[in-house]
Amino acid sequence: MNFLLILGILLLILWLLGFFVWSLGALIHVALVLAVILIIIWLLKKVLKLF
């Protein structure tokens, strides 16, 4: 597995934990945005071979 995918999934899991378990405010939404961006970049690299 690629590092970007692992990091994206980890951030997504941390976002879910933070959203439902801890109340960290806006920091949770930053983790979600970073996770989605990393997963999209990974998909572009693997599927479309753009980078």
N, C-alpha and C. Protein backbone atom coordinates (compact mmCIF):
# COMPACT_ATOMS: atom_id res chain seq x y z
N MET A 1 0.83 -1.19 0.00
CA MET A 1 0.00 0.00 0.00
C MET A 1 0.87 1.25 0.00
N ASN A 2 0.34 2.27 -0.54
CA ASN A 2 1.07 3.51 -0.66
C ASN A 2 0.98 4.33 0.63
N PHE A 3 2.00 5.12 0.87
CA PHE A 3 2.06 5.94 2.08
C PHE A 3 0.91 6.94 2.14
N LEU A 4 0.55 7.53 1.00
CA LEU A 4 -0.54 8.51 0.98
C LEU A 4 -1.86 7.87 1.38
N LEU A 5 -2.10 6.66 0.90
CA LEU A 5 -3.35 5.98 1.24
C LEU A 5 -3.40 5.65 2.72
N ILE A 6 -2.31 5.14 3.27
CA ILE A 6 -2.26 4.80 4.69
C ILE A 6 -2.46 6.05 5.54
N LEU A 7 -1.80 7.14 5.17
CA LEU A 7 -1.95 8.38 5.92
C LEU A 7 -3.37 8.93 5.81
N GLY A 8 -3.96 8.83 4.63
CA GLY A 8 -5.32 9.30 4.45
C GLY A 8 -6.32 8.50 5.26
N ILE A 9 -6.17 7.19 5.27
CA ILE A 9 -7.06 6.34 6.05
C ILE A 9 -6.88 6.58 7.54
N LEU A 10 -5.64 6.75 7.97
CA LEU A 10 -5.37 7.04 9.38
C LEU A 10 -6.01 8.36 9.81
N LEU A 11 -5.89 9.39 8.98
CA LEU A 11 -6.52 10.66 9.30
C LEU A 11 -8.03 10.56 9.31
N LEU A 12 -8.58 9.75 8.42
CA LEU A 12 -10.03 9.55 8.39
C LEU A 12 -10.50 8.85 9.66
N ILE A 13 -9.76 7.86 10.11
CA ILE A 13 -10.11 7.16 11.36
C ILE A 13 -10.00 8.12 12.55
N LEU A 14 -8.94 8.92 12.58
CA LEU A 14 -8.79 9.89 13.66
C LEU A 14 -9.91 10.92 13.63
N TRP A 15 -10.35 11.30 12.42
CA TRP A 15 -11.46 12.24 12.33
C TRP A 15 -12.73 11.62 12.91
N LEU A 16 -12.99 10.36 12.56
CA LEU A 16 -14.19 9.70 13.10
C LEU A 16 -14.13 9.60 14.61
N LEU A 17 -12.96 9.22 15.14
CA LEU A 17 -12.81 9.14 16.59
C LEU A 17 -13.00 10.51 17.24
N GLY A 18 -12.39 11.51 16.64
CA GLY A 18 -12.49 12.84 17.21
C GLY A 18 -13.90 13.41 17.11
N PHE A 19 -14.59 13.06 16.07
CA PHE A 19 -15.94 13.59 15.88
C PHE A 19 -16.91 12.95 16.86
N PHE A 20 -16.76 11.65 17.11
CA PHE A 20 -17.72 10.94 17.94
C PHE A 20 -17.28 10.76 19.39
N VAL A 21 -15.98 10.79 19.67
CA VAL A 21 -15.49 10.53 21.02
C VAL A 21 -15.04 11.81 21.71
N TRP A 22 -14.12 12.54 21.06
CA TRP A 22 -13.60 13.76 21.66
C TRP A 22 -14.19 14.96 20.94
N SER A 23 -14.22 16.07 21.61
CA SER A 23 -14.69 17.31 21.00
C SER A 23 -13.50 18.24 20.82
N LEU A 24 -12.92 18.24 19.63
CA LEU A 24 -11.73 19.05 19.38
C LEU A 24 -12.01 20.25 18.48
N GLY A 25 -13.24 20.48 18.15
CA GLY A 25 -13.60 21.67 17.38
C GLY A 25 -13.16 21.60 15.93
N ALA A 26 -12.58 22.68 15.45
CA ALA A 26 -12.24 22.81 14.03
C ALA A 26 -11.08 21.90 13.63
N LEU A 27 -10.28 21.46 14.57
CA LEU A 27 -9.15 20.59 14.24
C LEU A 27 -9.63 19.28 13.61
N ILE A 28 -10.78 18.81 13.99
CA ILE A 28 -11.34 17.58 13.44
C ILE A 28 -11.64 17.76 11.95
N HIS A 29 -12.15 18.90 11.58
CA HIS A 29 -12.50 19.12 10.18
C HIS A 29 -11.25 19.30 9.32
N VAL A 30 -10.19 19.81 9.89
CA VAL A 30 -8.92 19.91 9.17
C VAL A 30 -8.39 18.50 8.88
N ALA A 31 -8.50 17.59 9.83
CA ALA A 31 -8.06 16.21 9.62
C ALA A 31 -8.89 15.55 8.52
N LEU A 32 -10.18 15.83 8.47
CA LEU A 32 -11.04 15.26 7.43
C LEU A 32 -10.63 15.78 6.06
N VAL A 33 -10.41 17.05 5.94
CA VAL A 33 -10.02 17.64 4.65
C VAL A 33 -8.68 17.07 4.19
N LEU A 34 -7.71 16.97 5.09
CA LEU A 34 -6.41 16.39 4.73
C LEU A 34 -6.55 14.93 4.29
N ALA A 35 -7.38 14.17 4.99
CA ALA A 35 -7.56 12.77 4.63
C ALA A 35 -8.18 12.64 3.25
N VAL A 36 -9.18 13.43 2.96
CA VAL A 36 -9.83 13.35 1.65
C VAL A 36 -8.86 13.77 0.55
N ILE A 37 -8.08 14.82 0.77
CA ILE A 37 -7.11 15.26 -0.23
C ILE A 37 -6.07 14.19 -0.49
N LEU A 38 -5.55 13.55 0.56
CA LEU A 38 -4.54 12.51 0.38
C LEU A 38 -5.10 11.29 -0.35
N ILE A 39 -6.33 10.93 -0.06
CA ILE A 39 -6.93 9.77 -0.74
C ILE A 39 -7.19 10.11 -2.20
N ILE A 40 -7.62 11.32 -2.51
CA ILE A 40 -7.83 11.72 -3.90
C ILE A 40 -6.51 11.72 -4.66
N ILE A 41 -5.45 12.24 -4.05
CA ILE A 41 -4.14 12.23 -4.71
C ILE A 41 -3.70 10.80 -4.97
N TRP A 42 -3.90 9.91 -4.00
CA TRP A 42 -3.53 8.50 -4.18
C TRP A 42 -4.31 7.88 -5.34
N LEU A 43 -5.60 8.16 -5.40
CA LEU A 43 -6.42 7.63 -6.49
C LEU A 43 -5.95 8.16 -7.84
N LEU A 44 -5.62 9.43 -7.91
CA LEU A 44 -5.13 9.99 -9.16
C LEU A 44 -3.81 9.34 -9.58
N LYS A 45 -2.96 9.04 -8.61
CA LYS A 45 -1.69 8.41 -8.93
C LYS A 45 -1.88 6.97 -9.41
N LYS A 46 -2.75 6.23 -8.75
CA LYS A 46 -2.90 4.81 -9.06
C LYS A 46 -3.81 4.56 -10.26
N VAL A 47 -4.94 5.22 -10.31
CA VAL A 47 -5.93 4.92 -11.34
C VAL A 47 -5.63 5.65 -12.64
N LEU A 48 -5.38 6.95 -12.56
CA LEU A 48 -5.18 7.74 -13.77
C LEU A 48 -3.73 7.94 -14.13
N LYS A 49 -2.83 7.57 -13.22
CA LYS A 49 -1.38 7.69 -13.41
C LYS A 49 -1.00 9.10 -13.85
N LEU A 50 -1.51 10.10 -13.11
CA LEU A 50 -1.24 11.49 -13.46
C LEU A 50 0.08 11.99 -12.90
N PHE A 51 0.48 11.54 -11.74
CA PHE A 51 1.71 12.06 -11.12
C PHE A 51 2.83 11.06 -11.22
